[in-house]
Amino acid sequence: MTESVVALKSYDIFAPEALADPMPLLHRIRAESPVSVIPQLDAYLLTRHADILTALKDRRLSPANMAQALATFSQAEQDELLPLRQSMELWMGHTTEAGHTRFQQLLKRYFTPATVNGLRPRVRELTNELIDAVAEQGRMDVVTDLAYPLPANVIAEMLGMPTEDREQLQAWSRDILAIFQLTGIDRLRRSQSSVLEMQEYVRGLVRQHRADPRDDLISMFVAAEREGLVNEDEIVANCVLLLFAGHETTAGLIANGLVLLFQNPDELARLKADPELTPSAVEEMLRCDGPAGLIVRESTEPVELAGLDLPAGKRFYLAMMAGNRDPEVFTDPDRFDITRRPNRHTAFGLGAFYCLGAALARTEADECFRVLLDRCPDIRPAYDVLDRTPVPPLTHRLNSLDVEF
């Protein structure tokens, strides 16, 4: 092992060209320096598929607690954002490993393969309803008319949230997204306001479900509360997390996946001709432009990665988007191929912190694309330039996606 990491190369991932399109820089970093330094973040960057797999499996690298990022603000600002921090510290993945495992086990009671597969007819029905709403116009914004409301409705129904409140859910979620970005105090104030409003709303739902249990996630949590496995504050905080995370990632998968199909018309034609390729197409969408392009870990102890001794107490940015295009693993990695086999991407993580909602996201995207391409076989872009905003570091967000059909 190398005793010092002084010679590690550093890269400016905030350069304008990297913000516009990070892949050329990530390809160069992966070839030049398996472990590199991001000086602006005082963190390490991993880009090779093998190193990312190792990091995901290493228990000395724990998920970064987003609440700790608030420590970069002044003491007065930290005091102002204390309610937000207290809520975030109850979120699954931001607690101790034992706390995370406890919540995982609870959620596995509900997110069974049979339950997720049983949602297919409802996902299909919701997709048809959303397309019905815009069918006469012959055009839509896929982001606002389909990609966001579909998974938002699904997770809202799973939590027992009334239909008439679901637009409010999306508004809250847009504000909460700032927590996961490098952002300023003003946006975090808005995030805190939305988190607190959402918590009060969910607390009311919990009271209702205590009095009138149903077959949904909140009722499952209430039953676990009676067993002494969880308390009300944990239920409320994690329902907020589920309402947010349960649709943000799938919305990104659907919208970015359609962009990939537009950019690769031959693959779009193949998918239209053979809808049974949809599950494989979704996997390739996840590999090429998955919703979790970057995962953050923190070292609780010194670790060895790529033959280097790396210290404790450091942040590691795992560039999944780079690992999922590693030529050592994927043939012609920049080619979008909906029949790619094998496809060993890491879009949903790995190990103890593998995304519990992976099967649900796959199901929602699969049904959505089947219905969309069947109902709108001539769907085509109605934009000249993608309405895409960089989200540092290294990721992006589609604001809109206008199409005609």
Protein backbone atom coordinates (compact mmCIF):
# COMPACT_ATOMS: atom_id res chain seq x y z
CA MET A 1 0.00 0.00 0.00
CA THR A 2 1.06 3.55 -0.59
CA GLU A 3 1.70 5.35 2.68
CA SER A 4 0.92 8.83 1.38
CA VAL A 5 -1.77 10.19 -0.90
CA VAL A 6 -0.04 13.52 -1.48
CA ALA A 7 0.59 12.65 -5.14
CA LEU A 8 -3.07 12.05 -5.95
CA LYS A 9 -4.29 14.13 -8.85
CA SER A 10 -6.96 16.75 -8.29
CA TYR A 11 -9.60 17.82 -10.78
CA ASP A 12 -11.98 20.74 -11.07
CA ILE A 13 -15.38 19.08 -11.44
CA PHE A 14 -17.00 22.51 -11.16
CA ALA A 15 -15.44 23.83 -14.38
CA PRO A 16 -18.09 25.09 -16.84
CA GLU A 17 -17.43 22.30 -19.33
CA ALA A 18 -17.73 19.66 -16.58
CA LEU A 19 -21.02 21.14 -15.38
CA ALA A 20 -22.37 21.11 -18.93
CA ASP A 21 -21.29 17.50 -19.61
CA PRO A 22 -19.28 15.66 -16.94
CA MET A 23 -18.70 12.43 -18.88
CA PRO A 24 -15.59 13.48 -20.89
CA LEU A 25 -13.88 14.62 -17.69
CA LEU A 26 -14.97 11.48 -15.81
CA HIS A 27 -13.59 9.26 -18.59
CA ARG A 28 -10.26 11.10 -18.33
CA ILE A 29 -10.18 10.89 -14.52
CA ARG A 30 -10.91 7.16 -14.59
CA ALA A 31 -8.05 6.57 -17.02
CA GLU A 32 -5.55 8.82 -15.21
CA SER A 33 -6.28 8.47 -11.51
CA PRO A 34 -8.50 5.73 -10.03
CA VAL A 35 -8.68 7.73 -6.78
CA SER A 36 -8.53 11.48 -7.21
CA VAL A 37 -9.12 14.59 -5.15
CA ILE A 38 -11.94 17.14 -5.36
CA PRO A 39 -10.23 20.13 -3.74
CA GLN A 40 -13.37 22.28 -3.49
CA LEU A 41 -15.09 19.59 -1.41
CA ASP A 42 -12.04 18.28 0.46
CA ALA A 43 -13.08 14.82 -0.71
CA TYR A 44 -11.96 11.85 -2.78
CA LEU A 45 -13.55 10.78 -6.07
CA LEU A 46 -13.88 7.17 -7.24
CA THR A 47 -14.63 6.49 -10.91
CA ARG A 48 -13.68 2.84 -11.60
CA HIS A 49 -16.41 0.20 -11.44
CA ALA A 50 -14.26 -2.18 -9.37
CA ASP A 51 -13.32 0.48 -6.82
CA ILE A 52 -16.93 1.63 -6.50
CA LEU A 53 -18.04 -1.96 -5.86
CA THR A 54 -15.36 -2.31 -3.18
CA ALA A 55 -16.40 0.96 -1.55
CA LEU A 56 -20.09 0.02 -1.58
CA LYS A 57 -19.29 -3.26 0.20
CA ASP A 58 -16.85 -1.77 2.76
CA ARG A 59 -18.60 -1.25 6.09
CA ARG A 60 -15.95 1.34 7.06
CA LEU A 61 -17.49 3.61 4.42
CA SER A 62 -20.88 4.64 5.72
CA PRO A 63 -23.53 6.77 3.95
CA ALA A 64 -22.79 10.44 4.40
CA ASN A 65 -25.12 12.10 6.87
CA MET A 66 -26.56 15.04 4.95
CA ALA A 67 -27.34 16.77 8.23
CA GLN A 68 -23.61 17.13 8.87
CA ALA A 69 -23.31 19.30 5.78
CA LEU A 70 -25.19 22.00 7.68
CA ALA A 71 -22.08 22.41 9.85
CA THR A 72 -20.54 24.48 7.06
CA PHE A 73 -22.92 27.36 7.85
CA SER A 74 -22.47 29.98 10.58
CA GLN A 75 -23.56 29.09 14.11
CA ALA A 76 -26.58 31.40 13.84
CA GLU A 77 -27.64 29.71 10.58
CA GLN A 78 -27.09 26.26 12.09
CA ASP A 79 -29.30 27.22 15.02
CA GLU A 80 -31.97 28.44 12.59
CA LEU A 81 -31.81 25.13 10.66
CA LEU A 82 -31.83 22.94 13.79
CA PRO A 83 -35.40 21.61 13.19
CA LEU A 84 -34.35 20.48 9.70
CA ARG A 85 -31.24 18.78 11.08
CA GLN A 86 -33.21 17.01 13.81
CA SER A 87 -35.62 15.62 11.22
CA MET A 88 -32.87 14.51 8.84
CA GLU A 89 -31.05 12.69 11.63
CA LEU A 90 -34.07 10.39 11.97
CA TRP A 91 -34.08 9.46 8.27
CA MET A 92 -33.21 5.90 7.33
CA GLY A 93 -29.60 5.90 6.09
CA HIS A 94 -28.75 8.90 8.27
CA THR A 95 -28.96 7.04 11.58
CA THR A 96 -26.62 4.39 12.95
CA GLU A 97 -26.21 1.22 10.91
CA ALA A 98 -28.36 -0.57 13.50
CA GLY A 99 -31.10 2.04 13.07
CA HIS A 100 -30.90 1.74 9.29
CA THR A 101 -31.14 -2.06 9.49
CA ARG A 102 -34.16 -1.78 11.81
CA PHE A 103 -36.02 0.40 9.30
CA GLN A 104 -34.96 -1.82 6.40
CA GLN A 105 -36.45 -4.83 8.12
CA LEU A 106 -39.69 -2.94 8.76
CA LEU A 107 -40.00 -1.80 5.15
CA LYS A 108 -39.26 -5.29 3.86
CA ARG A 109 -42.54 -6.34 5.49
CA TYR A 110 -44.28 -4.14 2.93
CA PHE A 111 -41.95 -4.02 -0.08
CA THR A 112 -42.23 -7.73 -0.85
CA PRO A 113 -41.90 -8.95 -4.46
CA ALA A 114 -45.57 -9.94 -4.40
CA THR A 115 -46.67 -6.48 -3.17
CA VAL A 116 -44.61 -4.62 -5.76
CA ASN A 117 -45.70 -6.89 -8.60
CA GLY A 118 -49.28 -6.51 -7.43
CA LEU A 119 -49.00 -2.76 -8.07
CA ARG A 120 -48.55 -3.25 -11.82
CA PRO A 121 -52.25 -2.92 -12.76
CA ARG A 122 -52.57 0.28 -10.70
CA VAL A 123 -49.38 1.76 -12.22
CA ARG A 124 -50.76 0.95 -15.67
CA GLU A 125 -54.10 2.54 -14.79
CA LEU A 126 -52.47 5.72 -13.44
CA THR A 127 -50.26 6.01 -16.54
CA ASN A 128 -53.31 5.76 -18.79
CA GLU A 129 -55.13 8.39 -16.72
CA LEU A 130 -52.22 10.82 -17.02
CA ILE A 131 -51.99 10.31 -20.79
CA ASP A 132 -55.78 10.67 -21.10
CA ALA A 133 -55.49 14.11 -19.51
CA VAL A 134 -53.25 15.38 -22.33
CA ALA A 135 -54.30 13.15 -25.23
CA GLU A 136 -56.53 15.73 -26.95
CA GLN A 137 -53.75 18.31 -26.92
CA GLY A 138 -51.35 15.98 -28.73
CA ARG A 139 -48.48 17.25 -26.62
CA MET A 140 -47.27 17.29 -23.02
CA ASP A 141 -44.40 18.14 -20.74
CA VAL A 142 -43.29 14.65 -19.74
CA VAL A 143 -41.69 15.93 -16.53
CA THR A 144 -44.78 17.63 -15.07
CA ASP A 145 -47.53 15.64 -16.82
CA LEU A 146 -46.19 12.10 -16.43
CA ALA A 147 -42.76 11.44 -14.90
CA TYR A 148 -43.43 13.21 -11.59
CA PRO A 149 -47.14 12.61 -10.98
CA LEU A 150 -46.99 8.86 -11.75
CA PRO A 151 -44.57 7.75 -8.99
CA ALA A 152 -45.86 10.51 -6.70
CA ASN A 153 -49.36 9.03 -6.93
CA VAL A 154 -48.05 5.51 -6.41
CA ILE A 155 -46.08 6.30 -3.23
CA ALA A 156 -48.89 8.55 -1.97
CA GLU A 157 -51.38 5.69 -2.34
CA MET A 158 -48.96 3.31 -0.61
CA LEU A 159 -48.84 5.73 2.34
CA GLY A 160 -52.59 6.35 2.32
CA MET A 161 -52.35 10.02 1.26
CA PRO A 162 -55.63 11.45 -0.10
CA THR A 163 -55.75 12.14 -3.83
CA GLU A 164 -56.54 15.83 -3.46
CA ASP A 165 -53.31 16.45 -1.50
CA ARG A 166 -50.85 14.99 -4.00
CA GLU A 167 -50.01 18.16 -5.89
CA GLN A 168 -48.94 19.61 -2.55
CA LEU A 169 -46.66 16.60 -2.11
CA GLN A 170 -44.84 17.46 -5.34
CA ALA A 171 -44.46 21.10 -4.29
CA TRP A 172 -42.98 20.07 -0.94
CA SER A 173 -40.66 17.61 -2.67
CA ARG A 174 -39.26 20.21 -5.02
CA ASP A 175 -38.27 22.29 -2.00
CA ILE A 176 -36.79 19.33 -0.12
CA LEU A 177 -34.57 18.43 -3.09
CA ALA A 178 -32.25 21.32 -2.14
CA ILE A 179 -31.07 19.31 0.88
CA PHE A 180 -29.27 16.91 -1.46
CA GLN A 181 -27.58 19.64 -3.48
CA LEU A 182 -24.77 22.09 -2.84
CA THR A 183 -26.98 25.07 -2.11
CA GLY A 184 -27.29 28.24 -0.08
CA ILE A 185 -29.05 29.14 3.13
CA ASP A 186 -32.15 30.62 1.46
CA ARG A 187 -33.04 27.39 -0.32
CA LEU A 188 -32.42 25.42 2.86
CA ARG A 189 -34.76 27.73 4.76
CA ARG A 190 -37.43 26.87 2.20
CA SER A 191 -36.55 23.18 2.53
CA GLN A 192 -36.95 23.38 6.29
CA SER A 193 -40.33 25.07 5.96
CA SER A 194 -41.56 22.36 3.61
CA VAL A 195 -40.17 19.55 5.79
CA LEU A 196 -41.96 20.95 8.85
CA GLU A 197 -45.23 21.39 6.93
CA MET A 198 -44.91 17.88 5.57
CA GLN A 199 -44.24 16.47 9.04
CA GLU A 200 -47.37 18.06 10.47
CA TYR A 201 -49.37 16.70 7.56
CA VAL A 202 -47.97 13.17 8.03
CA ARG A 203 -48.54 13.36 11.80
CA GLY A 204 -52.23 13.89 11.07
CA LEU A 205 -52.23 10.84 8.77
CA VAL A 206 -50.60 8.76 11.51
CA ARG A 207 -53.38 9.75 13.95
CA GLN A 208 -56.00 8.76 11.38
CA HIS A 209 -54.34 5.40 10.76
CA ARG A 210 -54.11 4.64 14.46
CA ALA A 211 -57.86 5.07 14.70
CA ASP A 212 -58.61 3.37 11.38
CA PRO A 213 -55.84 0.94 10.29
CA ARG A 214 -55.63 0.17 6.58
CA ASP A 215 -53.51 -1.89 4.22
CA ASP A 216 -50.79 0.70 3.65
CA LEU A 217 -47.33 1.74 4.80
CA ILE A 218 -48.40 4.10 7.57
CA SER A 219 -50.61 1.43 9.11
CA MET A 220 -47.64 -0.96 8.95
CA PHE A 221 -45.52 1.62 10.81
CA VAL A 222 -48.29 2.13 13.39
CA ALA A 223 -48.42 -1.63 13.99
CA ALA A 224 -44.62 -1.62 14.45
CA GLU A 225 -44.99 1.26 16.91
CA ARG A 226 -47.29 -0.91 19.02
CA GLU A 227 -44.55 -3.56 19.00
CA GLY A 228 -42.07 -1.00 20.34
CA LEU A 229 -39.96 -1.12 17.15
CA VAL A 230 -40.37 2.53 16.16
CA ASN A 231 -41.66 5.78 17.68
CA GLU A 232 -43.92 8.47 16.22
CA ASP A 233 -41.13 10.93 15.42
CA GLU A 234 -39.30 8.22 13.47
CA ILE A 235 -42.49 7.29 11.61
CA VAL A 236 -43.17 10.90 10.64
CA ALA A 237 -39.60 11.68 9.56
CA ASN A 238 -39.28 8.52 7.47
CA CYS A 239 -42.67 8.94 5.82
CA VAL A 240 -41.47 12.39 4.73
CA LEU A 241 -38.35 10.74 3.32
CA LEU A 242 -40.39 8.06 1.53
CA LEU A 243 -42.83 10.58 0.07
CA PHE A 244 -39.90 12.57 -1.29
CA ALA A 245 -37.47 9.83 -2.32
CA GLY A 246 -40.24 7.49 -3.46
CA HIS A 247 -40.95 9.55 -6.53
CA GLU A 248 -37.94 11.80 -7.19
CA THR A 249 -35.68 8.99 -8.38
CA THR A 250 -38.32 7.27 -10.52
CA ALA A 251 -39.35 10.57 -12.09
CA GLY A 252 -35.74 11.12 -13.12
CA LEU A 253 -35.50 7.59 -14.51
CA ILE A 254 -38.60 8.04 -16.70
CA ALA A 255 -37.72 11.52 -18.00
CA ASN A 256 -34.02 10.84 -18.60
CA GLY A 257 -34.86 7.43 -20.07
CA LEU A 258 -37.12 9.01 -22.68
CA VAL A 259 -34.35 11.48 -23.59
CA LEU A 260 -32.00 8.53 -24.17
CA LEU A 261 -34.57 6.95 -26.48
CA PHE A 262 -34.94 10.21 -28.42
CA GLN A 263 -31.16 10.47 -28.72
CA ASN A 264 -31.00 6.87 -30.01
CA PRO A 265 -33.85 6.56 -32.54
CA ASP A 266 -32.82 3.08 -33.67
CA GLU A 267 -33.18 1.81 -30.10
CA LEU A 268 -36.52 3.59 -29.78
CA ALA A 269 -37.71 1.81 -32.93
CA ARG A 270 -36.53 -1.55 -31.53
CA LEU A 271 -38.43 -0.96 -28.30
CA LYS A 272 -41.63 0.00 -30.13
CA ALA A 273 -41.35 -3.13 -32.26
CA ASP A 274 -40.77 -5.40 -29.25
CA PRO A 275 -42.25 -4.16 -25.94
CA GLU A 276 -40.85 -7.26 -24.22
CA LEU A 277 -37.48 -5.49 -24.36
CA THR A 278 -38.78 -2.88 -21.91
CA PRO A 279 -37.22 -4.38 -18.73
CA SER A 280 -33.84 -4.58 -20.47
CA ALA A 281 -34.28 -1.04 -21.81
CA VAL A 282 -34.96 0.23 -18.29
CA GLU A 283 -31.74 -1.40 -17.05
CA GLU A 284 -29.81 0.38 -19.81
CA MET A 285 -31.46 3.68 -18.88
CA LEU A 286 -30.33 3.10 -15.30
CA ARG A 287 -26.80 2.39 -16.45
CA CYS A 288 -26.46 5.33 -18.85
CA ASP A 289 -28.26 8.05 -16.91
CA GLY A 290 -29.61 6.63 -13.67
CA PRO A 291 -31.17 8.86 -11.02
CA ALA A 292 -28.32 8.27 -8.54
CA GLY A 293 -25.31 9.30 -10.59
CA LEU A 294 -23.33 10.05 -7.46
CA ILE A 295 -23.32 8.43 -4.00
CA VAL A 296 -21.51 9.93 -1.02
CA ARG A 297 -19.75 7.86 1.64
CA GLU A 298 -17.70 8.79 4.73
CA SER A 299 -14.81 6.77 6.13
CA THR A 300 -15.28 5.86 9.78
CA GLU A 301 -11.83 4.20 9.83
CA PRO A 302 -8.76 4.27 7.58
CA VAL A 303 -9.43 2.30 4.39
CA GLU A 304 -7.44 0.88 1.51
CA LEU A 305 -8.77 1.57 -1.97
CA ALA A 306 -6.98 1.04 -5.27
CA GLY A 307 -3.80 0.21 -3.34
CA LEU A 308 -3.83 3.46 -1.37
CA ASP A 309 -4.09 4.09 2.36
CA LEU A 310 -6.83 6.67 2.84
CA PRO A 311 -7.65 8.29 6.18
CA ALA A 312 -10.70 8.19 8.41
CA GLY A 313 -13.13 11.08 8.54
CA LYS A 314 -13.06 11.83 4.81
CA ARG A 315 -15.81 12.04 2.24
CA PHE A 316 -15.79 9.82 -0.83
CA TYR A 317 -17.84 10.65 -3.91
CA LEU A 318 -18.66 7.46 -5.80
CA ALA A 319 -19.29 8.47 -9.42
CA MET A 320 -21.72 5.71 -10.38
CA MET A 321 -22.19 7.38 -13.75
CA ALA A 322 -18.47 6.85 -14.45
CA GLY A 323 -18.33 3.31 -13.05
CA ASN A 324 -21.35 2.35 -15.11
CA ARG A 325 -19.44 3.37 -18.24
CA ASP A 326 -16.16 1.70 -17.33
CA PRO A 327 -14.76 0.02 -20.48
CA GLU A 328 -13.19 -2.66 -18.27
CA VAL A 329 -16.73 -3.88 -17.53
CA PHE A 330 -19.00 -2.62 -20.32
CA THR A 331 -18.28 -3.14 -24.01
CA ASP A 332 -18.63 0.11 -25.97
CA PRO A 333 -19.75 1.78 -22.72
CA ASP A 334 -21.06 5.03 -24.20
CA ARG A 335 -23.41 3.19 -26.55
CA PHE A 336 -27.06 2.97 -25.45
CA ASP A 337 -28.05 -0.64 -26.13
CA ILE A 338 -31.44 -1.82 -24.87
CA THR A 339 -30.41 -5.48 -25.33
CA ARG A 340 -27.14 -5.19 -23.37
CA ARG A 341 -26.21 -8.43 -21.61
CA PRO A 342 -24.84 -8.61 -19.02
CA ASN A 343 -25.57 -5.25 -17.46
CA ARG A 344 -23.90 -5.12 -14.07
CA HIS A 345 -24.62 -1.48 -13.27
CA THR A 346 -24.69 -0.08 -9.75
CA ALA A 347 -27.51 2.44 -10.21
CA PHE A 348 -29.26 1.35 -7.00
CA GLY A 349 -26.16 0.85 -4.88
CA LEU A 350 -25.14 -2.43 -3.31
CA GLY A 351 -24.99 -4.27 -0.02
CA ALA A 352 -26.58 -3.09 3.22
CA PHE A 353 -27.60 0.24 1.72
CA TYR A 354 -29.03 -1.09 -1.55
CA CYS A 355 -32.08 0.97 -2.50
CA LEU A 356 -35.20 -0.69 -1.07
CA GLY A 357 -37.33 0.99 -3.72
CA ALA A 358 -35.38 -0.49 -6.65
CA ALA A 359 -38.03 -3.06 -7.55
CA LEU A 360 -40.78 -0.44 -7.33
CA ALA A 361 -38.86 2.01 -9.55
CA ARG A 362 -38.25 -0.72 -12.13
CA THR A 363 -41.92 -1.71 -12.09
CA GLU A 364 -43.12 1.89 -12.49
CA ALA A 365 -40.71 2.63 -15.36
CA ASP A 366 -41.49 -0.65 -17.10
CA GLU A 367 -45.26 -0.11 -17.06
CA CYS A 368 -44.93 3.60 -17.90
CA PHE A 369 -42.85 3.03 -21.05
CA ARG A 370 -45.05 0.13 -22.21
CA VAL A 371 -48.19 2.27 -21.97
CA LEU A 372 -46.57 5.45 -23.31
CA LEU A 373 -45.12 3.86 -26.45
CA ASP A 374 -48.32 1.90 -27.08
CA ARG A 375 -50.58 4.94 -26.66
CA CYS A 376 -48.20 7.43 -28.35
CA PRO A 377 -46.19 5.44 -30.94
CA ASP A 378 -45.21 8.61 -32.83
CA ILE A 379 -43.99 10.46 -29.74
CA ARG A 380 -41.22 12.91 -30.63
CA PRO A 381 -39.31 15.81 -29.08
CA ALA A 382 -40.92 19.27 -29.19
CA TYR A 383 -37.82 21.13 -27.98
CA ASP A 384 -34.70 22.46 -29.66
CA VAL A 385 -32.44 22.31 -26.60
CA LEU A 386 -32.93 20.19 -23.48
CA ASP A 387 -34.16 22.22 -20.51
CA ARG A 388 -31.56 20.73 -18.20
CA THR A 389 -29.93 22.36 -15.14
CA PRO A 390 -26.56 21.23 -13.74
CA VAL A 391 -26.78 20.08 -10.12
CA PRO A 392 -23.23 20.17 -8.75
CA PRO A 393 -21.34 18.06 -8.27
CA LEU A 394 -21.57 16.10 -11.54
CA THR A 395 -25.33 15.58 -11.84
CA HIS A 396 -28.18 17.33 -13.64
CA ARG A 397 -31.93 17.78 -13.47
CA LEU A 398 -34.48 17.97 -16.27
CA ASN A 399 -36.81 20.90 -15.68
CA SER A 400 -39.14 20.08 -18.56
CA LEU A 401 -39.40 17.72 -21.51
CA ASP A 402 -41.88 18.88 -24.16
CA VAL A 403 -43.07 16.21 -26.60
CA GLU A 404 -45.64 15.87 -29.38
CA PHE A 405 -47.57 12.79 -30.39
